[in-house]
């Protein structure tokens, strides 16, 4: 379960930011996860709920996990399309001269503090 490693990294970054900014506690955390990032949302949430109990600032934090749609760009016809629906082949011109624009990222979007 690589979700635990990702969660531990996120928690570490949030704890560091909370300490550096002298906050009392983190009450909310929004994390964006791309739909082709290989993160299983349920496992991420479970790992977060386990990890937050072992922190200084996140013990009461609510996690808002936002799934981002994966989008691929075709360099031949210059159109974008849904990665999960069509994979590497462009549905418009059938080229495979494509690349992923968004959908594989994992990023901290916002931290709500008191």
C-alpha atoms as a PDB file:
ATOM      1  CA  UNK A   1       0.000   0.000   0.000  1.00  0.00           C
ATOM      2  CA  UNK A   2       1.973   2.999  -1.279  1.00  0.00           C
ATOM      3  CA  UNK A   3      -0.827   5.316  -0.124  1.00  0.00           C
ATOM      4  CA  UNK A   4       0.633   5.237   3.381  1.00  0.00           C
ATOM      5  CA  UNK A   5       3.965   6.576   2.131  1.00  0.00           C
ATOM      6  CA  UNK A   6       2.216   9.350   0.224  1.00  0.00           C
ATOM      7  CA  UNK A   7       0.065  10.217   3.232  1.00  0.00           C
ATOM      8  CA  UNK A   8       3.118  10.312   5.502  1.00  0.00           C
ATOM      9  CA  UNK A   9       4.788  12.741   3.096  1.00  0.00           C
ATOM     10  CA  UNK A  10       1.685  14.969   2.987  1.00  0.00           C
ATOM     11  CA  UNK A  11       1.333  14.880   6.775  1.00  0.00           C
ATOM     12  CA  UNK A  12       5.001  15.759   7.198  1.00  0.00           C
ATOM     13  CA  UNK A  13       4.667  18.776   4.888  1.00  0.00           C
ATOM     14  CA  UNK A  14       1.517  20.005   6.641  1.00  0.00           C
ATOM     15  CA  UNK A  15       3.030  19.531  10.099  1.00  0.00           C
ATOM     16  CA  UNK A  16       6.106  21.505   9.026  1.00  0.00           C
ATOM     17  CA  UNK A  17       3.980  24.332   7.585  1.00  0.00           C
ATOM     18  CA  UNK A  18       1.835  24.440  10.730  1.00  0.00           C
ATOM     19  CA  UNK A  19       4.871  24.665  12.992  1.00  0.00           C
ATOM     20  CA  UNK A  20       6.577  27.335  10.855  1.00  0.00           C
ATOM     21  CA  UNK A  21       3.412  29.464  10.897  1.00  0.00           C
ATOM     22  CA  UNK A  22       2.681  29.060  14.623  1.00  0.00           C
ATOM     23  CA  UNK A  23      -0.827  27.689  14.152  1.00  0.00           C
ATOM     24  CA  UNK A  24      -2.762  26.095  16.975  1.00  0.00           C
ATOM     25  CA  UNK A  25      -4.098  23.212  14.900  1.00  0.00           C
ATOM     26  CA  UNK A  26      -5.054  22.123  11.409  1.00  0.00           C
ATOM     27  CA  UNK A  27      -8.801  21.598  11.100  1.00  0.00           C
ATOM     28  CA  UNK A  28      -9.051  20.826   7.407  1.00  0.00           C
ATOM     29  CA  UNK A  29      -6.890  19.647   4.569  1.00  0.00           C
ATOM     30  CA  UNK A  30      -7.738  19.521   0.869  1.00  0.00           C
ATOM     31  CA  UNK A  31      -5.603  17.213  -1.255  1.00  0.00           C
ATOM     32  CA  UNK A  32      -6.003  16.895  -5.020  1.00  0.00           C
ATOM     33  CA  UNK A  33      -5.339  13.470  -6.513  1.00  0.00           C
ATOM     34  CA  UNK A  34      -5.281  12.722 -10.218  1.00  0.00           C
ATOM     35  CA  UNK A  35      -7.418   9.824 -11.347  1.00  0.00           C
ATOM     36  CA  UNK A  36      -4.418   8.110 -12.994  1.00  0.00           C
ATOM     37  CA  UNK A  37      -2.028   8.737 -10.084  1.00  0.00           C
ATOM     38  CA  UNK A  38      -2.376   5.105  -8.938  1.00  0.00           C
ATOM     39  CA  UNK A  39      -3.792   6.263  -5.593  1.00  0.00           C
ATOM     40  CA  UNK A  40      -6.791   4.335  -4.299  1.00  0.00           C
ATOM     41  CA  UNK A  41      -8.965   6.983  -2.594  1.00  0.00           C
ATOM     42  CA  UNK A  42     -10.342   4.669   0.098  1.00  0.00           C
ATOM     43  CA  UNK A  43      -6.836   3.521   1.069  1.00  0.00           C
ATOM     44  CA  UNK A  44      -5.578   7.121   1.103  1.00  0.00           C
ATOM     45  CA  UNK A  45      -8.400   8.162   3.442  1.00  0.00           C
ATOM     46  CA  UNK A  46      -7.798   5.177   5.731  1.00  0.00           C
ATOM     47  CA  UNK A  47      -4.064   5.901   5.856  1.00  0.00           C
ATOM     48  CA  UNK A  48      -4.722   9.582   6.582  1.00  0.00           C
ATOM     49  CA  UNK A  49      -7.112   8.753   9.429  1.00  0.00           C
ATOM     50  CA  UNK A  50      -4.487   6.433  10.910  1.00  0.00           C
ATOM     51  CA  UNK A  51      -1.596   8.903  10.468  1.00  0.00           C
ATOM     52  CA  UNK A  52      -3.323  12.027  11.775  1.00  0.00           C
ATOM     53  CA  UNK A  53      -3.690  10.438  15.229  1.00  0.00           C
ATOM     54  CA  UNK A  54       0.105  10.400  15.465  1.00  0.00           C
ATOM     55  CA  UNK A  55       0.631  14.090  14.718  1.00  0.00           C
ATOM     56  CA  UNK A  56       0.886  17.287  16.689  1.00  0.00           C
ATOM     57  CA  UNK A  57      -1.313  19.564  14.544  1.00  0.00           C
ATOM     58  CA  UNK A  58      -3.581  17.292  12.461  1.00  0.00           C
ATOM     59  CA  UNK A  59      -5.316  15.187  15.121  1.00  0.00           C
ATOM     60  CA  UNK A  60      -8.726  16.794  14.426  1.00  0.00           C
ATOM     61  CA  UNK A  61      -8.234  17.567  10.733  1.00  0.00           C
ATOM     62  CA  UNK A  62     -10.913  16.629   8.232  1.00  0.00           C
ATOM     63  CA  UNK A  63      -9.621  15.440   4.878  1.00  0.00           C
ATOM     64  CA  UNK A  64     -11.211  16.626   1.650  1.00  0.00           C
ATOM     65  CA  UNK A  65      -9.889  14.416  -1.133  1.00  0.00           C
ATOM     66  CA  UNK A  66     -10.574  15.899  -4.576  1.00  0.00           C
ATOM     67  CA  UNK A  67     -10.186  13.617  -7.569  1.00  0.00           C
ATOM     68  CA  UNK A  68      -8.882  15.366 -10.693  1.00  0.00           C
ATOM     69  CA  UNK A  69      -9.973  14.228 -14.126  1.00  0.00           C
ATOM     70  CA  UNK A  70      -7.142  12.942 -16.340  1.00  0.00           C
ATOM     71  CA  UNK A  71      -6.753  14.857 -19.599  1.00  0.00           C
ATOM     72  CA  UNK A  72      -4.488  14.010 -22.537  1.00  0.00           C
ATOM     73  CA  UNK A  73      -3.384  16.372 -25.316  1.00  0.00           C
ATOM     74  CA  UNK A  74      -2.941  15.317 -28.951  1.00  0.00           C
ATOM     75  CA  UNK A  75       0.007  17.048 -30.581  1.00  0.00           C
ATOM     76  CA  UNK A  76      -1.285  16.292 -34.073  1.00  0.00           C
ATOM     77  CA  UNK A  77      -4.858  17.622 -33.965  1.00  0.00           C
ATOM     78  CA  UNK A  78      -4.288  19.913 -30.937  1.00  0.00           C
ATOM     79  CA  UNK A  79      -7.311  18.623 -29.014  1.00  0.00           C
ATOM     80  CA  UNK A  80      -7.670  17.323 -25.478  1.00  0.00           C
ATOM     81  CA  UNK A  81      -9.641  14.291 -24.403  1.00  0.00           C
ATOM     82  CA  UNK A  82     -10.389  12.034 -21.436  1.00  0.00           C
ATOM     83  CA  UNK A  83      -7.384   9.848 -20.689  1.00  0.00           C
ATOM     84  CA  UNK A  84      -9.313   7.165 -18.847  1.00  0.00           C
ATOM     85  CA  UNK A  85     -11.778   6.777 -21.671  1.00  0.00           C
ATOM     86  CA  UNK A  86      -9.380   6.720 -24.633  1.00  0.00           C
ATOM     87  CA  UNK A  87      -5.872   6.095 -23.199  1.00  0.00           C
ATOM     88  CA  UNK A  88      -2.981   7.068 -25.471  1.00  0.00           C
ATOM     89  CA  UNK A  89      -4.831   7.083 -28.803  1.00  0.00           C
ATOM     90  CA  UNK A  90      -6.606  10.327 -29.699  1.00  0.00           C
ATOM     91  CA  UNK A  91     -10.317   9.706 -30.347  1.00  0.00           C
ATOM     92  CA  UNK A  92     -10.404  12.519 -32.915  1.00  0.00           C
ATOM     93  CA  UNK A  93      -7.505  11.723 -35.261  1.00  0.00           C
ATOM     94  CA  UNK A  94      -6.322   8.348 -33.866  1.00  0.00           C
ATOM     95  CA  UNK A  95      -2.767   9.599 -33.381  1.00  0.00           C
ATOM     96  CA  UNK A  96      -0.643   8.276 -30.533  1.00  0.00           C
ATOM     97  CA  UNK A  97       1.454  11.454 -30.555  1.00  0.00           C
ATOM     98  CA  UNK A  98      -0.128  12.446 -27.240  1.00  0.00           C
ATOM     99  CA  UNK A  99       0.833  13.314 -23.681  1.00  0.00           C
ATOM    100  CA  UNK A 100      -0.852  13.545 -20.304  1.00  0.00           C
ATOM    101  CA  UNK A 101      -1.715  17.129 -19.337  1.00  0.00           C
ATOM    102  CA  UNK A 102      -3.253  16.505 -15.933  1.00  0.00           C
ATOM    103  CA  UNK A 103      -4.445  13.605 -13.845  1.00  0.00           C
ATOM    104  CA  UNK A 104      -1.328  11.999 -12.355  1.00  0.00           C
ATOM    105  CA  UNK A 105      -0.600  14.602  -9.680  1.00  0.00           C
ATOM    106  CA  UNK A 106      -0.986  14.553  -5.916  1.00  0.00           C
ATOM    107  CA  UNK A 107      -0.904  17.977  -4.318  1.00  0.00           C
ATOM    108  CA  UNK A 108      -1.921  19.812  -1.196  1.00  0.00           C
ATOM    109  CA  UNK A 109      -4.534  22.322  -2.337  1.00  0.00           C
ATOM    110  CA  UNK A 110      -5.329  24.029   0.976  1.00  0.00           C
ATOM    111  CA  UNK A 111      -4.763  23.819   4.715  1.00  0.00           C
ATOM    112  CA  UNK A 112      -7.405  25.193   7.079  1.00  0.00           C
ATOM    113  CA  UNK A 113      -6.042  26.221  10.476  1.00  0.00           C
ATOM    114  CA  UNK A 114      -7.082  27.796  13.751  1.00  0.00           C
END
